[in-house]
Amino acid sequence: MFDTEMASSTDSSATVDDEVRQLYERYQAAETDEERHAIALEMGKLDGRRHAEIYAALEDE
């Protein structure tokens, strides 16, 4: 059972890492401050989601 939990946690982390990478690439390619601001807000939401997952995992221990 522990292996399954670890696998899903790893899969989730990989997905978040992919999203972070894509957002960073979009941020670098953005041509206006408005685009960069919108992408930065998306990054913040993703970061909040990542922290929520970490705290939830700690509560389960």
C-alpha atoms as a PDB file:
ATOM      1  CA  MET A   1       0.000   0.000   0.000  1.00  0.00           C
ATOM      2  CA  PHE A   2       2.847   2.389   0.802  1.00  0.00           C
ATOM      3  CA  ASP A   3       4.343   1.858  -2.675  1.00  0.00           C
ATOM      4  CA  THR A   4       1.057   2.857  -4.299  1.00  0.00           C
ATOM      5  CA  GLU A   5       0.889   6.021  -2.220  1.00  0.00           C
ATOM      6  CA  MET A   6       4.468   6.853  -3.111  1.00  0.00           C
ATOM      7  CA  ALA A   7       3.810   6.253  -6.808  1.00  0.00           C
ATOM      8  CA  SER A   8       0.776   8.519  -6.863  1.00  0.00           C
ATOM      9  CA  SER A   9       2.677  11.169  -4.941  1.00  0.00           C
ATOM     10  CA  THR A  10       5.558  10.914  -7.406  1.00  0.00           C
ATOM     11  CA  ASP A  11       3.155  11.045 -10.359  1.00  0.00           C
ATOM     12  CA  SER A  12       1.517  14.131  -8.884  1.00  0.00           C
ATOM     13  CA  SER A  13       4.913  15.767  -8.374  1.00  0.00           C
ATOM     14  CA  ALA A  14       5.929  14.985 -11.942  1.00  0.00           C
ATOM     15  CA  THR A  15       2.703  16.537 -13.239  1.00  0.00           C
ATOM     16  CA  VAL A  16       3.254  19.672 -11.168  1.00  0.00           C
ATOM     17  CA  ASP A  17       6.877  19.847 -12.334  1.00  0.00           C
ATOM     18  CA  ASP A  18       5.682  19.670 -15.949  1.00  0.00           C
ATOM     19  CA  GLU A  19       3.167  22.438 -15.308  1.00  0.00           C
ATOM     20  CA  VAL A  20       5.851  24.593 -13.673  1.00  0.00           C
ATOM     21  CA  ARG A  21       8.183  24.034 -16.611  1.00  0.00           C
ATOM     22  CA  GLN A  22       5.463  24.956 -19.126  1.00  0.00           C
ATOM     23  CA  LEU A  23       4.512  28.084 -17.192  1.00  0.00           C
ATOM     24  CA  TYR A  24       8.147  29.138 -16.936  1.00  0.00           C
ATOM     25  CA  GLU A  25       8.615  28.666 -20.684  1.00  0.00           C
ATOM     26  CA  ARG A  26       5.468  30.714 -21.350  1.00  0.00           C
ATOM     27  CA  TYR A  27       6.719  33.394 -18.959  1.00  0.00           C
ATOM     28  CA  GLN A  28      10.052  33.592 -20.765  1.00  0.00           C
ATOM     29  CA  ALA A  29       8.311  33.831 -24.153  1.00  0.00           C
ATOM     30  CA  ALA A  30       5.760  36.440 -23.016  1.00  0.00           C
ATOM     31  CA  GLU A  31       6.012  39.673 -24.931  1.00  0.00           C
ATOM     32  CA  THR A  32       4.173  42.009 -22.590  1.00  0.00           C
ATOM     33  CA  ASP A  33       4.128  42.752 -18.888  1.00  0.00           C
ATOM     34  CA  GLU A  34       0.415  41.928 -18.906  1.00  0.00           C
ATOM     35  CA  GLU A  35       1.121  38.399 -20.199  1.00  0.00           C
ATOM     36  CA  ARG A  36       3.913  37.912 -17.647  1.00  0.00           C
ATOM     37  CA  HIS A  37       1.615  39.110 -14.848  1.00  0.00           C
ATOM     38  CA  ALA A  38      -1.140  36.654 -15.839  1.00  0.00           C
ATOM     39  CA  ILE A  39       1.377  33.792 -15.989  1.00  0.00           C
ATOM     40  CA  ALA A  40       2.840  34.800 -12.613  1.00  0.00           C
ATOM     41  CA  LEU A  41      -0.659  34.556 -11.120  1.00  0.00           C
ATOM     42  CA  GLU A  42      -0.995  31.039 -12.566  1.00  0.00           C
ATOM     43  CA  MET A  43       2.385  30.158 -11.034  1.00  0.00           C
ATOM     44  CA  GLY A  44       1.147  31.401  -7.658  1.00  0.00           C
ATOM     45  CA  LYS A  45      -1.965  29.234  -7.844  1.00  0.00           C
ATOM     46  CA  LEU A  46       0.134  26.215  -8.780  1.00  0.00           C
ATOM     47  CA  ASP A  47       2.518  26.918  -5.901  1.00  0.00           C
ATOM     48  CA  GLY A  48      -0.414  27.138  -3.493  1.00  0.00           C
ATOM     49  CA  ARG A  49      -1.719  23.801  -4.760  1.00  0.00           C
ATOM     50  CA  ARG A  50       1.707  22.238  -4.310  1.00  0.00           C
ATOM     51  CA  HIS A  51       1.943  23.493  -0.728  1.00  0.00           C
ATOM     52  CA  ALA A  52      -1.555  22.218   0.049  1.00  0.00           C
ATOM     53  CA  GLU A  53      -0.538  18.747  -1.170  1.00  0.00           C
ATOM     54  CA  ILE A  54       2.597  18.807   0.989  1.00  0.00           C
ATOM     55  CA  TYR A  55       0.670  19.836   4.117  1.00  0.00           C
ATOM     56  CA  ALA A  56      -2.019  17.225   3.447  1.00  0.00           C
ATOM     57  CA  ALA A  57       0.657  14.538   3.125  1.00  0.00           C
ATOM     58  CA  LEU A  58       2.255  15.644   6.401  1.00  0.00           C
ATOM     59  CA  GLU A  59      -1.091  15.456   8.184  1.00  0.00           C
ATOM     60  CA  ASP A  60      -1.526  11.875   6.942  1.00  0.00           C
ATOM     61  CA  GLU A  61       1.765  10.769   8.517  1.00  0.00           C
END
